[in-house]
């Protein structure tokens, strides 16, 4: 019963997407390693790569998203700029994606290939 109530309270307005956008310098091998480490940390924490410096992750609430970003913020490399944007699931559904001619892979295919399920 409690689980049913919990599921019923999740709506497109309460569920959130975290969009992580970053600019990390990669001029030296050390900087490249730090940038790779940060990208891998995002992947290990359930983010999917949307573009090379843009990663996304669905979460069930803003508070869960903020907890996630506070944890990740501790690992931001020096001289880097990282932004975490929070949008509702309803807002994310209004995203319009356009693929250029001969673009071979889209977000859904990537998720399927990696064994990820879209939960909402």
C-alpha atoms as a PDB file:
ATOM      1  CA  UNK A   1       0.000   0.000   0.000  1.00  0.00           C
ATOM      2  CA  UNK A   2       2.760   2.470   0.908  1.00  0.00           C
ATOM      3  CA  UNK A   3       4.541   1.753  -2.357  1.00  0.00           C
ATOM      4  CA  UNK A   4       1.356   2.422  -4.339  1.00  0.00           C
ATOM      5  CA  UNK A   5       0.906   5.752  -2.571  1.00  0.00           C
ATOM      6  CA  UNK A   6       4.534   6.666  -3.274  1.00  0.00           C
ATOM      7  CA  UNK A   7       4.139   5.864  -6.978  1.00  0.00           C
ATOM      8  CA  UNK A   8       0.944   7.871  -7.206  1.00  0.00           C
ATOM      9  CA  UNK A   9       2.654  10.981  -5.821  1.00  0.00           C
ATOM     10  CA  UNK A  10       5.298  10.918  -8.580  1.00  0.00           C
ATOM     11  CA  UNK A  11       4.116  13.173 -11.362  1.00  0.00           C
ATOM     12  CA  UNK A  12       5.657  14.817 -14.378  1.00  0.00           C
ATOM     13  CA  UNK A  13       5.922  17.964 -12.285  1.00  0.00           C
ATOM     14  CA  UNK A  14       7.653  16.344  -9.295  1.00  0.00           C
ATOM     15  CA  UNK A  15      10.062  14.128 -11.240  1.00  0.00           C
ATOM     16  CA  UNK A  16      13.135  16.018 -12.397  1.00  0.00           C
ATOM     17  CA  UNK A  17      15.942  15.818 -14.901  1.00  0.00           C
ATOM     18  CA  UNK A  18      19.424  16.995 -13.976  1.00  0.00           C
ATOM     19  CA  UNK A  19      21.311  18.437 -16.910  1.00  0.00           C
ATOM     20  CA  UNK A  20      25.037  18.733 -16.237  1.00  0.00           C
ATOM     21  CA  UNK A  21      26.894  21.067 -18.596  1.00  0.00           C
ATOM     22  CA  UNK A  22      30.604  21.594 -18.179  1.00  0.00           C
ATOM     23  CA  UNK A  23      33.726  23.134 -19.595  1.00  0.00           C
ATOM     24  CA  UNK A  24      36.822  21.380 -18.280  1.00  0.00           C
ATOM     25  CA  UNK A  25      40.248  22.315 -19.675  1.00  0.00           C
ATOM     26  CA  UNK A  26      42.094  19.497 -21.455  1.00  0.00           C
ATOM     27  CA  UNK A  27      45.339  21.136 -22.546  1.00  0.00           C
ATOM     28  CA  UNK A  28      47.653  18.776 -20.629  1.00  0.00           C
ATOM     29  CA  UNK A  29      47.597  15.039 -19.943  1.00  0.00           C
ATOM     30  CA  UNK A  30      46.814  15.728 -16.286  1.00  0.00           C
ATOM     31  CA  UNK A  31      43.838  17.901 -17.248  1.00  0.00           C
ATOM     32  CA  UNK A  32      42.643  15.223 -19.682  1.00  0.00           C
ATOM     33  CA  UNK A  33      42.768  12.596 -16.933  1.00  0.00           C
ATOM     34  CA  UNK A  34      40.817  14.856 -14.562  1.00  0.00           C
ATOM     35  CA  UNK A  35      38.190  15.566 -17.223  1.00  0.00           C
ATOM     36  CA  UNK A  36      37.849  11.850 -18.009  1.00  0.00           C
ATOM     37  CA  UNK A  37      37.596  11.052 -14.308  1.00  0.00           C
ATOM     38  CA  UNK A  38      34.763  13.581 -13.911  1.00  0.00           C
ATOM     39  CA  UNK A  39      32.874  12.244 -16.960  1.00  0.00           C
ATOM     40  CA  UNK A  40      33.245   8.689 -15.646  1.00  0.00           C
ATOM     41  CA  UNK A  41      31.968   9.838 -12.259  1.00  0.00           C
ATOM     42  CA  UNK A  42      28.848  11.201 -13.951  1.00  0.00           C
ATOM     43  CA  UNK A  43      28.329   7.898 -15.775  1.00  0.00           C
ATOM     44  CA  UNK A  44      28.877   5.919 -12.559  1.00  0.00           C
ATOM     45  CA  UNK A  45      26.186   8.065 -10.914  1.00  0.00           C
ATOM     46  CA  UNK A  46      23.568   7.244 -13.545  1.00  0.00           C
ATOM     47  CA  UNK A  47      24.025  10.104 -16.004  1.00  0.00           C
ATOM     48  CA  UNK A  48      23.811   9.542 -19.761  1.00  0.00           C
ATOM     49  CA  UNK A  49      25.831  11.509 -22.255  1.00  0.00           C
ATOM     50  CA  UNK A  50      23.606  13.790 -24.348  1.00  0.00           C
ATOM     51  CA  UNK A  51      26.559  15.575 -25.968  1.00  0.00           C
ATOM     52  CA  UNK A  52      30.244  15.459 -25.123  1.00  0.00           C
ATOM     53  CA  UNK A  53      30.002  18.081 -22.345  1.00  0.00           C
ATOM     54  CA  UNK A  54      26.297  17.643 -21.564  1.00  0.00           C
ATOM     55  CA  UNK A  55      25.044  14.774 -19.423  1.00  0.00           C
ATOM     56  CA  UNK A  56      21.493  14.074 -18.211  1.00  0.00           C
ATOM     57  CA  UNK A  57      19.921  12.030 -15.437  1.00  0.00           C
ATOM     58  CA  UNK A  58      16.317  11.517 -14.308  1.00  0.00           C
ATOM     59  CA  UNK A  59      15.612  11.706 -10.561  1.00  0.00           C
ATOM     60  CA  UNK A  60      12.398  11.341  -8.598  1.00  0.00           C
ATOM     61  CA  UNK A  61      12.490  14.762  -6.925  1.00  0.00           C
ATOM     62  CA  UNK A  62      14.350  18.046  -6.702  1.00  0.00           C
ATOM     63  CA  UNK A  63      15.754  17.151  -3.277  1.00  0.00           C
ATOM     64  CA  UNK A  64      17.240  13.898  -4.615  1.00  0.00           C
ATOM     65  CA  UNK A  65      18.747  15.848  -7.509  1.00  0.00           C
ATOM     66  CA  UNK A  66      20.243  18.465  -5.209  1.00  0.00           C
ATOM     67  CA  UNK A  67      21.777  15.772  -3.014  1.00  0.00           C
ATOM     68  CA  UNK A  68      23.306  14.188  -6.118  1.00  0.00           C
ATOM     69  CA  UNK A  69      24.762  17.461  -7.374  1.00  0.00           C
ATOM     70  CA  UNK A  70      26.181  18.435  -3.970  1.00  0.00           C
ATOM     71  CA  UNK A  71      28.052  15.122  -3.916  1.00  0.00           C
ATOM     72  CA  UNK A  72      29.346  15.539  -7.464  1.00  0.00           C
ATOM     73  CA  UNK A  73      30.394  19.163  -6.851  1.00  0.00           C
ATOM     74  CA  UNK A  74      33.160  17.915  -4.545  1.00  0.00           C
ATOM     75  CA  UNK A  75      34.882  16.288  -7.547  1.00  0.00           C
ATOM     76  CA  UNK A  76      34.870  19.210 -10.002  1.00  0.00           C
ATOM     77  CA  UNK A  77      38.404  19.693 -11.362  1.00  0.00           C
ATOM     78  CA  UNK A  78      40.234  22.980 -10.800  1.00  0.00           C
ATOM     79  CA  UNK A  79      39.755  25.721 -13.410  1.00  0.00           C
ATOM     80  CA  UNK A  80      36.502  24.106 -14.565  1.00  0.00           C
ATOM     81  CA  UNK A  81      33.012  25.439 -15.044  1.00  0.00           C
ATOM     82  CA  UNK A  82      30.145  23.040 -14.240  1.00  0.00           C
ATOM     83  CA  UNK A  83      26.438  23.896 -14.246  1.00  0.00           C
ATOM     84  CA  UNK A  84      23.633  21.657 -13.015  1.00  0.00           C
ATOM     85  CA  UNK A  85      20.245  22.566 -14.443  1.00  0.00           C
ATOM     86  CA  UNK A  86      17.052  21.088 -12.998  1.00  0.00           C
ATOM     87  CA  UNK A  87      13.931  20.755 -15.129  1.00  0.00           C
ATOM     88  CA  UNK A  88      10.718  18.826 -14.581  1.00  0.00           C
ATOM     89  CA  UNK A  89       9.882  15.719 -16.565  1.00  0.00           C
ATOM     90  CA  UNK A  90       7.024  17.643 -18.204  1.00  0.00           C
ATOM     91  CA  UNK A  91       9.467  20.276 -19.403  1.00  0.00           C
ATOM     92  CA  UNK A  92      11.918  17.640 -20.657  1.00  0.00           C
ATOM     93  CA  UNK A  93       9.130  16.030 -22.688  1.00  0.00           C
ATOM     94  CA  UNK A  94       8.869  19.279 -24.664  1.00  0.00           C
ATOM     95  CA  UNK A  95      12.446  18.865 -25.918  1.00  0.00           C
ATOM     96  CA  UNK A  96      12.726  18.892 -29.683  1.00  0.00           C
ATOM     97  CA  UNK A  97      15.658  16.910 -31.046  1.00  0.00           C
ATOM     98  CA  UNK A  98      16.857  17.289 -34.606  1.00  0.00           C
ATOM     99  CA  UNK A  99      19.425  15.076 -36.251  1.00  0.00           C
ATOM    100  CA  UNK A 100      21.570  16.197 -39.136  1.00  0.00           C
ATOM    101  CA  UNK A 101      21.798  14.235 -42.351  1.00  0.00           C
ATOM    102  CA  UNK A 102      23.576  10.878 -41.909  1.00  0.00           C
ATOM    103  CA  UNK A 103      23.513  11.103 -38.100  1.00  0.00           C
ATOM    104  CA  UNK A 104      23.677   7.456 -37.099  1.00  0.00           C
ATOM    105  CA  UNK A 105      22.751   7.248 -33.423  1.00  0.00           C
ATOM    106  CA  UNK A 106      20.126   8.844 -31.215  1.00  0.00           C
ATOM    107  CA  UNK A 107      19.536   8.981 -27.465  1.00  0.00           C
ATOM    108  CA  UNK A 108      17.021   6.110 -27.374  1.00  0.00           C
ATOM    109  CA  UNK A 109      19.324   3.788 -29.326  1.00  0.00           C
ATOM    110  CA  UNK A 110      22.211   4.640 -26.997  1.00  0.00           C
ATOM    111  CA  UNK A 111      20.088   3.868 -23.914  1.00  0.00           C
ATOM    112  CA  UNK A 112      18.983   0.545 -25.386  1.00  0.00           C
ATOM    113  CA  UNK A 113      22.554  -0.374 -26.321  1.00  0.00           C
ATOM    114  CA  UNK A 114      23.733   0.378 -22.766  1.00  0.00           C
ATOM    115  CA  UNK A 115      20.822  -1.518 -21.228  1.00  0.00           C
ATOM    116  CA  UNK A 116      19.183   1.549 -19.675  1.00  0.00           C
ATOM    117  CA  UNK A 117      15.457   1.740 -19.219  1.00  0.00           C
ATOM    118  CA  UNK A 118      13.469   4.934 -19.442  1.00  0.00           C
ATOM    119  CA  UNK A 119      11.491   4.952 -16.198  1.00  0.00           C
ATOM    120  CA  UNK A 120       9.171   7.852 -16.914  1.00  0.00           C
END
